[in-house]
């Protein structure tokens, strides 16, 4: 059962006053709207007009409203039940730009639809793939996306056409006038100013662009010349698919899925003071809702959106996590989608401002990936899984002609820093899983002192760099099971203890002669089970004080074996 944190003002199922709920929804919308510029970048790359960008952004607001509703509901297998509105995600930007180059906007819409379906499939396998996508691989994926975003941001600012239209100094100062306020408010800002750092930087960039002539009166007139109210249309939407950009979209979907897992886990921690472990059914439902929303983006003719860590940060700061506000935000977004003047103004965002924002997002995503990759103790294996892919990704950026000269099949995997880094990280991780298990053994004779066992467990925990909380949990459970085994073993029988670790799980096997203790042979209850599952599957485990993730017992005659599995 969740425990309400003391710093929450309005919890998940509490109803704030309507005016306060509306103001919180407006605050979230202020963070969502600047990300619409990512849609404009893709449409512009496809040769679309400002009107095309405006329509795609309006449809993007509708898609975000749909995704917000999908997360707030709690249907079987769909939705997290959290107030978790998305933003237009930069994770898909490299793949979308590659699709534009290969087949225009129809290919972007079709592949976004396909990537959303893949993310739904990924949501069903989150628990099964934890060893294929451990922290080091997940971190490399985010780092690779960050590198691509930084490259795209710099390419936007230093585009040759832009530099022929405007003086280099005007372009540079406009970019700096955007980036410096973002950095200043992000580092030294407090409360709302810190959370809205990107919006404040964009506004500063607009002012500088107007002052330096990068944003002209003609741009302003075009933005102001559209109707005040207009319903978004679905005209001109078509779909195409191509294997040429399939790998990039699958990587983007994977990165989005992993990112959503992190955001959902943060939501759980904010809403539960007694949080210990992720609720896996809730994670699966949340990632599936994110994937379904991504499919909605493709169907509506816009680029992908995804759960936003920044908006979760707003909830942490304000102490308001009520999912009732989701419906206020849904209504507000639908209203904004019918105000073309807003989206047209964003469509005319000066390129130096766009590039600075992308560079900031890419740099922050790279650091976030680095934090994820190093969140567990770094071994030689993990160092290789991080170092080699990142260096190869940099190699693609520095020596692009070499990788373009590779055979067509190889170019599918090496056509971008993101692709080669992710493929290399996953491949190296799978190869280096061979021989990863490390074992040690101990024999416990009748009347052996407890210090022998304690010293053995402490030595293994230190050698394997286990977190203290996990080492304490494992030690406590092993000692408890041994006490029960001691009461059931034949007099004079030794207990053989074998313990192994593969950087993910700890396995403990105890063999002896006698009879089996009264332990459950089912999976032990964990924090990722709902109440009914915990009660049905783990009651005997609770009663016997065994809190392993899994326990198996078997006996052949008097020869007994008890095996424990701990996920760390």
Protein backbone atom coordinates (compact mmCIF):
# COMPACT_ATOMS: atom_id res chain seq x y z
CA UNK A 1 0.00 0.00 0.00
CA UNK A 2 1.34 3.42 -0.98
CA UNK A 3 2.25 5.85 1.81
CA UNK A 4 1.38 9.50 1.16
CA UNK A 5 4.50 11.70 1.24
CA UNK A 6 4.29 14.60 3.67
CA UNK A 7 5.33 17.19 1.05
CA UNK A 8 2.40 16.45 -1.29
CA UNK A 9 -0.19 19.22 -1.42
CA UNK A 10 -2.64 17.31 -3.62
CA UNK A 11 -1.97 13.60 -4.11
CA UNK A 12 -2.72 11.35 -7.03
CA UNK A 13 -6.46 10.88 -6.43
CA UNK A 14 -7.16 14.17 -4.64
CA UNK A 15 -9.16 16.98 -6.28
CA UNK A 16 -7.65 20.48 -6.11
CA UNK A 17 -9.86 23.60 -6.42
CA UNK A 18 -10.71 24.26 -10.07
CA UNK A 19 -8.77 27.52 -10.31
CA UNK A 20 -5.60 26.01 -8.89
CA UNK A 21 -5.96 22.99 -11.18
CA UNK A 22 -6.35 25.28 -14.19
CA UNK A 23 -3.26 27.31 -13.25
CA UNK A 24 -1.20 24.12 -12.90
CA UNK A 25 -2.45 23.02 -16.32
CA UNK A 26 -1.41 26.38 -17.80
CA UNK A 27 2.04 25.96 -16.25
CA UNK A 28 2.41 22.54 -17.90
CA UNK A 29 1.22 23.92 -21.25
CA UNK A 30 3.88 26.66 -21.05
CA UNK A 31 6.54 23.94 -20.95
CA UNK A 32 4.92 21.81 -23.66
CA UNK A 33 4.44 24.52 -26.32
CA UNK A 34 8.14 25.39 -26.95
CA UNK A 35 8.86 21.75 -27.82
CA UNK A 36 6.52 22.09 -30.81
CA UNK A 37 9.44 23.69 -32.63
CA UNK A 38 10.81 20.16 -33.19
CA UNK A 39 7.83 19.51 -35.45
CA UNK A 40 8.59 22.70 -37.37
CA UNK A 41 12.21 21.60 -37.88
CA UNK A 42 11.10 18.33 -39.48
CA UNK A 43 8.47 19.96 -41.69
CA UNK A 44 10.95 22.65 -42.77
CA UNK A 45 13.52 19.95 -43.64
CA UNK A 46 10.87 18.35 -45.86
CA UNK A 47 10.41 21.62 -47.73
CA UNK A 48 7.03 22.37 -46.15
CA UNK A 49 5.63 25.87 -45.75
CA UNK A 50 4.96 27.75 -42.53
CA UNK A 51 1.30 26.78 -42.89
CA UNK A 52 2.29 23.11 -43.11
CA UNK A 53 4.33 23.50 -39.93
CA UNK A 54 1.45 25.27 -38.18
CA UNK A 55 -1.00 22.50 -39.07
CA UNK A 56 1.41 19.75 -37.98
CA UNK A 57 1.99 21.53 -34.66
CA UNK A 58 -1.75 21.94 -34.10
CA UNK A 59 -2.20 18.22 -34.69
CA UNK A 60 0.73 17.65 -32.33
CA UNK A 61 -1.16 19.42 -29.54
CA UNK A 62 -4.14 17.12 -30.17
CA UNK A 63 -1.83 14.07 -29.99
CA UNK A 64 -0.32 15.32 -26.71
CA UNK A 65 -3.82 15.72 -25.29
CA UNK A 66 -4.62 12.12 -26.28
CA UNK A 67 -1.39 10.86 -24.68
CA UNK A 68 -2.10 12.78 -21.47
CA UNK A 69 -5.51 11.09 -21.23
CA UNK A 70 -4.04 7.65 -22.01
CA UNK A 71 -1.56 7.96 -19.13
CA UNK A 72 -4.15 9.25 -16.63
CA UNK A 73 -6.55 6.35 -17.17
CA UNK A 74 -5.92 2.86 -15.84
CA UNK A 75 -7.16 0.23 -18.27
CA UNK A 76 -5.89 -3.38 -18.36
CA UNK A 77 -2.40 -3.14 -19.83
CA UNK A 78 -2.76 0.53 -20.88
CA UNK A 79 -2.07 3.65 -18.82
CA UNK A 80 -0.09 4.33 -15.66
CA UNK A 81 -2.76 6.17 -13.68
CA UNK A 82 -0.38 9.13 -13.23
CA UNK A 83 -0.67 12.75 -14.31
CA UNK A 84 2.07 12.34 -16.91
CA UNK A 85 1.69 14.71 -19.87
CA UNK A 86 4.21 14.36 -22.71
CA UNK A 87 6.16 16.82 -24.82
CA UNK A 88 7.29 16.61 -28.42
CA UNK A 89 10.38 14.45 -28.00
CA UNK A 90 13.81 15.18 -29.38
CA UNK A 91 14.60 11.46 -29.19
CA UNK A 92 12.90 10.88 -32.54
CA UNK A 93 14.35 13.96 -34.25
CA UNK A 94 17.43 12.28 -35.82
CA UNK A 95 15.30 9.43 -37.16
CA UNK A 96 12.61 11.82 -38.41
CA UNK A 97 15.16 13.95 -40.29
CA UNK A 98 16.63 10.81 -41.85
CA UNK A 99 13.12 9.77 -42.92
CA UNK A 100 12.50 13.21 -44.44
CA UNK A 101 15.64 12.85 -46.53
CA UNK A 102 14.65 9.34 -47.64
CA UNK A 103 10.94 9.77 -48.31
CA UNK A 104 9.47 13.02 -47.04
CA UNK A 105 6.77 13.50 -44.41
CA UNK A 106 4.74 10.38 -45.38
CA UNK A 107 7.73 8.27 -44.36
CA UNK A 108 8.01 10.18 -41.05
CA UNK A 109 4.34 9.50 -40.26
CA UNK A 110 4.49 5.85 -41.27
CA UNK A 111 7.67 5.07 -39.37
CA UNK A 112 6.43 6.95 -36.30
CA UNK A 113 3.33 4.76 -36.39
CA UNK A 114 5.52 1.65 -36.66
CA UNK A 115 7.84 2.80 -33.87
CA UNK A 116 4.88 3.31 -31.55
CA UNK A 117 3.77 -0.26 -32.19
CA UNK A 118 7.29 -1.46 -31.42
CA UNK A 119 7.26 0.47 -28.15
CA UNK A 120 4.03 -1.27 -27.17
CA UNK A 121 5.72 -4.63 -27.80
CA UNK A 122 8.71 -3.45 -25.78
CA UNK A 123 6.39 -2.64 -22.85
CA UNK A 124 5.44 -6.32 -22.64
CA UNK A 125 9.08 -7.38 -22.26
CA UNK A 126 10.46 -4.80 -19.81
CA UNK A 127 11.16 -7.36 -17.11
CA UNK A 128 12.56 -9.97 -19.51
CA UNK A 129 15.08 -7.66 -21.21
CA UNK A 130 16.77 -6.24 -18.12
CA UNK A 131 19.99 -8.11 -18.92
CA UNK A 132 19.93 -7.17 -22.61
CA UNK A 133 19.46 -3.48 -21.77
CA UNK A 134 21.19 -2.97 -18.43
CA UNK A 135 22.13 0.45 -17.07
CA UNK A 136 25.29 0.71 -19.19
CA UNK A 137 23.45 -0.03 -22.47
CA UNK A 138 20.51 2.21 -21.56
CA UNK A 139 22.97 4.98 -20.75
CA UNK A 140 24.78 4.58 -24.06
CA UNK A 141 21.44 4.83 -25.92
CA UNK A 142 20.66 8.16 -24.25
CA UNK A 143 24.22 9.40 -24.77
CA UNK A 144 24.05 8.53 -28.48
CA UNK A 145 20.76 10.38 -28.90
CA UNK A 146 22.30 13.36 -27.09
CA UNK A 147 25.26 13.40 -29.49
CA UNK A 148 22.93 13.37 -32.49
CA UNK A 149 20.86 16.25 -31.08
CA UNK A 150 23.97 18.35 -30.44
CA UNK A 151 25.12 17.69 -34.00
CA UNK A 152 21.73 18.67 -35.42
CA UNK A 153 21.61 21.80 -33.25
CA UNK A 154 25.02 22.96 -34.45
CA UNK A 155 24.10 22.14 -38.06
CA UNK A 156 20.99 24.33 -37.75
CA UNK A 157 22.98 27.29 -36.38
CA UNK A 158 25.87 27.00 -38.83
CA UNK A 159 23.77 26.19 -41.90
CA UNK A 160 25.32 27.76 -45.03
CA UNK A 161 22.01 29.20 -46.25
CA UNK A 162 21.41 30.88 -42.90
CA UNK A 163 24.90 32.39 -42.90
CA UNK A 164 24.39 33.79 -46.43
CA UNK A 165 21.13 35.47 -45.37
CA UNK A 166 22.43 36.94 -42.11
CA UNK A 167 25.79 38.05 -40.74
CA UNK A 168 27.68 35.41 -38.80
CA UNK A 169 27.87 37.66 -35.74
CA UNK A 170 24.06 38.15 -35.74
CA UNK A 171 23.49 34.41 -35.92
CA UNK A 172 26.05 33.71 -33.21
CA UNK A 173 24.76 36.38 -30.81
CA UNK A 174 21.17 35.21 -31.29
CA UNK A 175 22.18 31.65 -30.42
CA UNK A 176 24.14 32.85 -27.37
CA UNK A 177 21.25 35.10 -26.29
CA UNK A 178 19.14 31.92 -26.21
CA UNK A 179 21.64 29.52 -24.68
CA UNK A 180 23.04 31.75 -21.91
CA UNK A 181 19.65 32.51 -20.26
CA UNK A 182 18.75 28.81 -20.45
CA UNK A 183 21.97 27.92 -18.64
CA UNK A 184 21.61 30.78 -16.15
CA UNK A 185 18.04 29.93 -15.15
CA UNK A 186 18.80 26.18 -15.12
CA UNK A 187 21.78 26.63 -12.77
CA UNK A 188 20.85 29.63 -10.61
CA UNK A 189 17.09 29.84 -11.07
CA UNK A 190 14.63 28.80 -8.41
CA UNK A 191 11.15 27.33 -8.56
CA UNK A 192 9.19 28.27 -11.66
CA UNK A 193 12.12 30.14 -13.25
CA UNK A 194 14.24 27.00 -13.14
CA UNK A 195 11.50 24.82 -14.59
CA UNK A 196 10.77 27.29 -17.40
CA UNK A 197 14.42 27.88 -18.26
CA UNK A 198 13.99 26.72 -21.88
CA UNK A 199 10.93 28.94 -22.44
CA UNK A 200 12.70 31.97 -20.96
CA UNK A 201 15.75 31.33 -23.14
CA UNK A 202 13.54 31.07 -26.24
CA UNK A 203 11.84 34.38 -25.44
CA UNK A 204 15.26 35.98 -24.93
CA UNK A 205 16.36 34.54 -28.27
CA UNK A 206 13.31 36.02 -30.04
CA UNK A 207 14.14 39.46 -28.62
CA UNK A 208 17.77 39.19 -29.74
CA UNK A 209 16.74 37.89 -33.16
CA UNK A 210 14.37 40.83 -33.66
CA UNK A 211 17.05 43.29 -32.48
CA UNK A 212 19.71 41.81 -34.81
CA UNK A 213 17.40 41.35 -37.81
CA UNK A 214 17.31 37.55 -37.77
CA UNK A 215 13.58 37.64 -36.95
CA UNK A 216 12.08 40.17 -39.36
CA UNK A 217 8.83 42.17 -39.35
CA UNK A 218 7.75 40.03 -42.32
CA UNK A 219 7.98 36.92 -40.13
CA UNK A 220 5.90 38.62 -37.45
CA UNK A 221 3.33 39.75 -40.00
CA UNK A 222 2.97 36.23 -41.36
CA UNK A 223 2.49 34.83 -37.88
CA UNK A 224 -0.09 37.49 -37.05
CA UNK A 225 -1.93 37.15 -40.38
CA UNK A 226 -3.56 33.78 -39.74
CA UNK A 227 -7.15 33.39 -38.45
CA UNK A 228 -7.58 33.71 -34.70
CA UNK A 229 -9.48 30.41 -34.44
CA UNK A 230 -9.26 27.42 -36.79
CA UNK A 231 -9.78 23.70 -36.30
CA UNK A 232 -6.75 21.55 -37.30
CA UNK A 233 -7.25 19.59 -40.51
CA UNK A 234 -6.08 16.14 -41.55
CA UNK A 235 -5.57 17.05 -45.19
CA UNK A 236 -2.46 15.80 -46.95
CA UNK A 237 -1.63 13.04 -44.47
CA UNK A 238 -0.28 9.86 -46.06
CA UNK A 239 1.95 7.03 -44.93
CA UNK A 240 5.04 5.32 -46.26
CA UNK A 241 7.41 2.71 -44.86
CA UNK A 242 11.05 1.92 -45.62
CA UNK A 243 13.62 -0.47 -44.25
CA UNK A 244 16.25 2.21 -44.92
CA UNK A 245 15.40 4.11 -41.71
CA UNK A 246 13.93 1.20 -39.74
CA UNK A 247 16.93 0.78 -37.43
CA UNK A 248 16.97 4.45 -36.43
CA UNK A 249 13.26 4.45 -35.57
CA UNK A 250 13.52 1.22 -33.58
CA UNK A 251 16.43 2.70 -31.62
CA UNK A 252 14.41 5.87 -30.99
CA UNK A 253 11.46 3.77 -29.80
CA UNK A 254 13.75 1.80 -27.51
CA UNK A 255 15.28 4.99 -26.11
CA UNK A 256 11.81 6.42 -25.56
CA UNK A 257 10.67 3.25 -23.79
CA UNK A 258 13.66 3.26 -21.45
CA UNK A 259 13.22 6.98 -20.80
CA UNK A 260 9.54 6.47 -19.97
CA UNK A 261 10.45 3.72 -17.50
CA UNK A 262 12.69 6.22 -15.70
CA UNK A 263 10.01 8.93 -15.67
CA UNK A 264 7.36 6.53 -14.37
CA UNK A 265 9.67 5.31 -11.63
CA UNK A 266 10.21 8.92 -10.57
CA UNK A 267 6.42 9.40 -10.46
CA UNK A 268 6.12 6.38 -8.18
CA UNK A 269 8.77 7.75 -5.84
CA UNK A 270 7.08 11.16 -5.68
CA UNK A 271 3.71 9.61 -4.84
CA UNK A 272 4.82 6.92 -2.38
CA UNK A 273 6.98 7.69 0.66
CA UNK A 274 7.42 3.94 1.24
CA UNK A 275 8.54 3.22 -2.35
CA UNK A 276 11.06 0.38 -2.65
CA UNK A 277 10.82 -1.06 -6.14
CA UNK A 278 9.06 -0.24 -9.41
CA UNK A 279 5.53 -1.51 -9.93
CA UNK A 280 6.02 -3.59 -13.07
CA UNK A 281 2.36 -3.75 -14.21
CA UNK A 282 2.19 0.03 -13.89
CA UNK A 283 5.43 0.46 -15.82
CA UNK A 284 4.21 -1.80 -18.59
CA UNK A 285 0.92 0.08 -18.81
CA UNK A 286 2.68 3.45 -18.86
CA UNK A 287 5.16 2.47 -21.58
CA UNK A 288 2.32 0.94 -23.61
CA UNK A 289 0.31 4.17 -23.29
CA UNK A 290 3.36 6.10 -24.46
CA UNK A 291 3.69 3.79 -27.46
CA UNK A 292 -0.02 4.06 -28.25
CA UNK A 293 0.30 7.83 -28.08
CA UNK A 294 3.25 7.68 -30.46
CA UNK A 295 1.05 5.75 -32.89
CA UNK A 296 -1.57 8.49 -32.52
CA UNK A 297 1.10 11.04 -33.47
CA UNK A 298 1.81 9.14 -36.68
CA UNK A 299 -1.86 8.73 -37.52
CA UNK A 300 -2.54 12.43 -36.94
CA UNK A 301 0.36 13.47 -39.17
CA UNK A 302 2.86 14.84 -36.69
CA UNK A 303 6.12 13.78 -35.05
CA UNK A 304 6.45 11.70 -31.90
CA UNK A 305 5.86 12.84 -28.33
CA UNK A 306 6.91 11.17 -25.09
CA UNK A 307 6.65 11.43 -21.30
CA UNK A 308 8.51 14.47 -19.98
CA UNK A 309 10.92 14.46 -17.00
CA UNK A 310 10.58 18.27 -16.82
CA UNK A 311 6.84 18.09 -16.22
CA UNK A 312 7.36 15.50 -13.50
CA UNK A 313 9.82 18.00 -12.01
CA UNK A 314 7.01 20.57 -11.92
CA UNK A 315 4.92 18.16 -9.88
CA UNK A 316 7.79 17.51 -7.48
CA UNK A 317 8.34 21.24 -6.98
CA UNK A 318 4.67 22.17 -6.54
CA UNK A 319 3.67 19.07 -4.58
CA UNK A 320 0.64 18.63 -6.88
CA UNK A 321 0.40 15.25 -8.61
CA UNK A 322 -3.39 14.94 -8.90
CA UNK A 323 -4.35 13.17 -12.09
CA UNK A 324 -7.60 15.16 -12.09
CA UNK A 325 -5.51 18.00 -13.56
CA UNK A 326 -4.85 15.82 -16.61
CA UNK A 327 -8.38 16.56 -17.83
CA UNK A 328 -7.90 20.31 -17.38
CA UNK A 329 -4.71 20.07 -19.44
CA UNK A 330 -6.43 17.96 -22.12
CA UNK A 331 -9.07 20.65 -22.56
CA UNK A 332 -6.49 23.45 -22.59
CA UNK A 333 -4.34 21.70 -25.23
CA UNK A 334 -7.36 21.16 -27.47
CA UNK A 335 -8.20 24.87 -27.20
CA UNK A 336 -4.58 25.83 -28.03
CA UNK A 337 -4.68 23.52 -31.06
CA UNK A 338 -7.45 25.70 -32.44
CA UNK A 339 -5.40 28.92 -32.06
CA UNK A 340 -3.21 28.97 -35.19
CA UNK A 341 -1.56 32.29 -34.30
CA UNK A 342 0.32 30.56 -31.43
CA UNK A 343 1.61 27.66 -33.54
CA UNK A 344 2.43 29.95 -36.48
CA UNK A 345 4.55 32.10 -34.18
CA UNK A 346 6.47 28.99 -33.13
CA UNK A 347 6.76 27.92 -36.78
CA UNK A 348 8.71 31.13 -37.44
CA UNK A 349 11.16 30.55 -34.60
CA UNK A 350 14.60 31.82 -35.73
CA UNK A 351 17.00 29.03 -36.59
CA UNK A 352 19.72 30.17 -34.16
CA UNK A 353 17.14 29.90 -31.38
CA UNK A 354 16.13 26.41 -32.54
CA UNK A 355 19.74 25.28 -32.74
CA UNK A 356 20.62 26.58 -29.27
CA UNK A 357 17.66 24.78 -27.69
CA UNK A 358 18.53 21.53 -29.47
CA UNK A 359 22.16 21.81 -28.38
CA UNK A 360 21.09 22.33 -24.75
CA UNK A 361 18.66 19.37 -24.86
CA UNK A 362 21.30 17.16 -26.48
CA UNK A 363 23.96 18.05 -23.93
CA UNK A 364 21.59 17.40 -21.02
CA UNK A 365 20.50 14.08 -22.54
CA UNK A 366 24.13 13.04 -22.98
CA UNK A 367 24.85 13.76 -19.30
CA UNK A 368 21.66 11.95 -18.27
CA UNK A 369 22.86 8.92 -20.21
CA UNK A 370 26.24 9.15 -18.53
CA UNK A 371 24.55 9.20 -15.12
CA UNK A 372 22.49 6.14 -16.02
CA UNK A 373 25.52 4.25 -17.37
CA UNK A 374 27.53 4.91 -14.20
CA UNK A 375 24.64 4.38 -11.77
CA UNK A 376 26.05 0.92 -11.01
CA UNK A 377 29.67 0.10 -10.18
CA UNK A 378 31.81 0.19 -13.33
CA UNK A 379 33.62 -3.05 -14.12
CA UNK A 380 35.96 -3.73 -17.04
CA UNK A 381 33.03 -5.22 -18.97
CA UNK A 382 30.81 -2.19 -18.43
CA UNK A 383 33.68 0.18 -19.26
CA UNK A 384 34.07 -1.56 -22.64
CA UNK A 385 30.30 -1.46 -23.27
CA UNK A 386 30.30 2.30 -22.66
CA UNK A 387 33.67 3.34 -24.10
CA UNK A 388 33.75 1.52 -27.44
CA UNK A 389 30.26 2.54 -28.67
CA UNK A 390 30.67 6.19 -27.66
CA UNK A 391 34.03 6.44 -29.42
CA UNK A 392 32.63 4.78 -32.55
CA UNK A 393 29.71 7.25 -32.47
CA UNK A 394 32.19 10.11 -32.39
CA UNK A 395 34.04 8.43 -35.24
CA UNK A 396 30.90 8.60 -37.42
CA UNK A 397 30.68 12.35 -36.76
CA UNK A 398 34.39 12.96 -37.46
CA UNK A 399 34.89 10.56 -40.40
CA UNK A 400 31.44 10.31 -42.08
CA UNK A 401 32.86 9.54 -45.53
CA UNK A 402 34.46 6.30 -44.33
CA UNK A 403 31.19 4.96 -42.96
CA UNK A 404 29.26 6.08 -46.06
CA UNK A 405 31.62 3.94 -48.17
CA UNK A 406 30.65 0.74 -46.33
CA UNK A 407 28.33 -1.81 -48.02
CA UNK A 408 24.60 -1.02 -47.97
CA UNK A 409 23.76 -3.57 -45.27
CA UNK A 410 26.46 -2.18 -42.96
CA UNK A 411 25.29 1.39 -43.57
CA UNK A 412 21.95 0.45 -42.02
CA UNK A 413 23.80 0.08 -38.73
CA UNK A 414 26.46 2.77 -39.14
CA UNK A 415 24.68 5.65 -40.88
CA UNK A 416 24.56 7.74 -37.71
CA UNK A 417 26.33 8.08 -34.39
CA UNK A 418 23.11 6.93 -32.71
CA UNK A 419 22.80 3.74 -34.75
CA UNK A 420 26.40 2.55 -34.46
CA UNK A 421 26.64 3.38 -30.74
CA UNK A 422 23.45 1.50 -29.83
CA UNK A 423 24.12 -1.53 -32.04
CA UNK A 424 27.69 -1.79 -30.72
CA UNK A 425 26.60 -1.41 -27.09
CA UNK A 426 23.91 -4.10 -27.35
CA UNK A 427 26.23 -6.45 -29.26
CA UNK A 428 29.14 -6.05 -26.86
CA UNK A 429 26.86 -6.52 -23.87
CA UNK A 430 25.50 -9.79 -25.27
CA UNK A 431 29.00 -11.08 -26.09
CA UNK A 432 30.43 -10.10 -22.71
CA UNK A 433 27.59 -11.84 -20.90
CA UNK A 434 29.51 -15.05 -21.62
CA UNK A 435 31.44 -16.09 -18.53
CA UNK A 436 29.89 -13.32 -16.45
CA UNK A 437 28.77 -15.56 -13.60
CA UNK A 438 31.26 -15.68 -10.70
CA UNK A 439 30.89 -18.26 -7.94
CA UNK A 440 32.28 -19.07 -4.54
CA UNK A 441 31.45 -21.82 -2.07
CA UNK A 442 31.44 -22.45 1.67
CA UNK A 443 30.81 -25.56 3.79
CA UNK A 444 29.01 -25.08 7.10
CA UNK A 445 29.56 -27.89 9.58
CA UNK A 446 27.46 -28.66 12.65
CA UNK A 447 27.88 -25.87 15.17
CA UNK A 448 29.96 -23.66 12.83
CA UNK A 449 30.16 -20.12 14.21
CA UNK A 450 28.02 -17.39 12.61
CA UNK A 451 31.11 -15.22 12.11
CA UNK A 452 32.30 -17.61 9.38
CA UNK A 453 29.15 -17.09 7.34
CA UNK A 454 29.11 -13.32 7.97
CA UNK A 455 32.73 -12.91 6.90
CA UNK A 456 32.09 -14.99 3.75
CA UNK A 457 29.05 -12.92 2.74
CA UNK A 458 30.82 -9.63 3.46
CA UNK A 459 33.83 -10.70 1.40
CA UNK A 460 31.64 -11.57 -1.59
CA UNK A 461 29.62 -8.35 -1.30
CA UNK A 462 32.84 -6.34 -1.29
CA UNK A 463 34.37 -8.24 -4.21
CA UNK A 464 31.20 -7.85 -6.30
CA UNK A 465 30.62 -4.22 -5.24
CA UNK A 466 27.07 -4.92 -4.10
CA UNK A 467 25.15 -1.93 -2.67
CA UNK A 468 25.04 -2.15 1.13
CA UNK A 469 21.24 -2.29 1.23
CA UNK A 470 21.24 -5.30 -1.11
CA UNK A 471 24.10 -7.01 0.71
CA UNK A 472 22.22 -6.59 4.01
CA UNK A 473 19.00 -7.95 2.48
CA UNK A 474 20.76 -11.00 1.03
CA UNK A 475 22.63 -11.68 4.26
CA UNK A 476 19.47 -11.41 6.35
CA UNK A 477 17.49 -13.80 4.12
CA UNK A 478 20.33 -16.35 3.84
CA UNK A 479 20.79 -16.43 7.62
CA UNK A 480 17.05 -16.85 8.15
CA UNK A 481 16.83 -19.74 5.66
CA UNK A 482 19.88 -21.40 7.20
CA UNK A 483 18.23 -21.29 10.62
CA UNK A 484 15.21 -23.10 9.19
CA UNK A 485 17.42 -25.59 7.34
CA UNK A 486 19.35 -26.27 10.55
CA UNK A 487 16.11 -27.41 12.21
CA UNK A 488 15.36 -29.79 9.32
CA UNK A 489 18.74 -31.30 8.45
CA UNK A 490 19.93 -34.74 9.51
CA UNK A 491 22.31 -34.75 12.48
CA UNK A 492 25.91 -34.46 11.35
CA UNK A 493 25.04 -33.29 7.84
CA UNK A 494 27.03 -30.38 6.43
CA UNK A 495 25.38 -27.54 4.54
CA UNK A 496 27.00 -26.68 1.23
CA UNK A 497 26.58 -23.01 0.34
CA UNK A 498 27.27 -21.82 -3.24
CA UNK A 499 26.79 -18.17 -4.17
CA UNK A 500 27.06 -16.58 -7.64
CA UNK A 501 26.72 -13.13 -9.22
CA UNK A 502 26.49 -11.93 -12.84
CA UNK A 503 26.24 -8.13 -12.29
CA UNK A 504 22.42 -8.42 -12.27
CA UNK A 505 21.34 -11.28 -10.00
CA UNK A 506 22.70 -13.05 -6.95
CA UNK A 507 21.99 -16.78 -6.71
CA UNK A 508 22.42 -18.71 -3.50
CA UNK A 509 22.15 -22.51 -3.43
CA UNK A 510 22.16 -24.50 -0.19
CA UNK A 511 22.42 -28.32 -0.23
CA UNK A 512 22.17 -30.71 2.73
CA UNK A 513 20.65 -34.02 3.87
CA UNK A 514 17.38 -33.99 5.77
CA UNK A 515 13.93 -32.57 4.97
CA UNK A 516 12.79 -29.38 3.30
CA UNK A 517 11.72 -26.43 5.48
CA UNK A 518 8.26 -24.89 5.08
CA UNK A 519 9.21 -22.34 2.43
CA UNK A 520 7.09 -21.26 -0.54
CA UNK A 521 8.11 -22.66 -3.93
CA UNK A 522 6.48 -19.71 -5.67
CA UNK A 523 7.97 -16.38 -6.65
CA UNK A 524 8.42 -14.25 -3.58
CA UNK A 525 6.36 -11.05 -3.23
CA UNK A 526 8.04 -7.90 -4.41
CA UNK A 527 7.18 -4.25 -4.54
CA UNK A 528 6.29 -4.56 -8.23
CA UNK A 529 3.18 -6.65 -7.51
CA UNK A 530 -0.29 -5.30 -6.84
CA UNK A 531 -1.92 -6.23 -3.55
CA UNK A 532 -3.84 -9.24 -4.86
CA UNK A 533 -0.74 -10.72 -6.49
CA UNK A 534 1.33 -10.18 -3.38
CA UNK A 535 -1.29 -11.90 -1.26
CA UNK A 536 -1.82 -14.89 -3.57
CA UNK A 537 1.78 -15.58 -4.56
CA UNK A 538 3.70 -14.66 -1.47
CA UNK A 539 1.75 -15.18 1.73
CA UNK A 540 3.86 -18.14 2.83
CA UNK A 541 6.97 -16.17 1.98
CA UNK A 542 5.89 -13.31 4.21
CA UNK A 543 5.11 -15.69 7.03
CA UNK A 544 8.53 -17.35 6.79
CA UNK A 545 10.31 -13.96 6.56
CA UNK A 546 11.88 -14.98 3.24
CA UNK A 547 12.12 -11.87 1.04
CA UNK A 548 14.09 -13.17 -1.91
CA UNK A 549 12.82 -12.43 -5.40
CA UNK A 550 12.46 -16.15 -6.07
CA UNK A 551 12.85 -19.33 -4.05
CA UNK A 552 12.95 -22.89 -5.36
CA UNK A 553 13.15 -26.09 -3.33
CA UNK A 554 13.59 -29.71 -4.34
CA UNK A 555 14.43 -33.00 -2.67
CA UNK A 556 15.71 -36.36 -3.91
CA UNK A 557 15.36 -38.76 -1.06
CA UNK A 558 17.09 -37.05 1.86
CA UNK A 559 19.19 -34.87 -0.44
CA UNK A 560 17.64 -31.38 -0.30
CA UNK A 561 18.37 -28.18 -2.17
CA UNK A 562 17.13 -24.64 -1.54
CA UNK A 563 17.86 -21.97 -4.19
CA UNK A 564 17.34 -18.24 -3.73
CA UNK A 565 17.40 -15.55 -6.43
CA UNK A 566 17.97 -11.86 -5.64
CA UNK A 567 17.68 -9.16 -8.30
CA UNK A 568 20.05 -6.32 -7.43
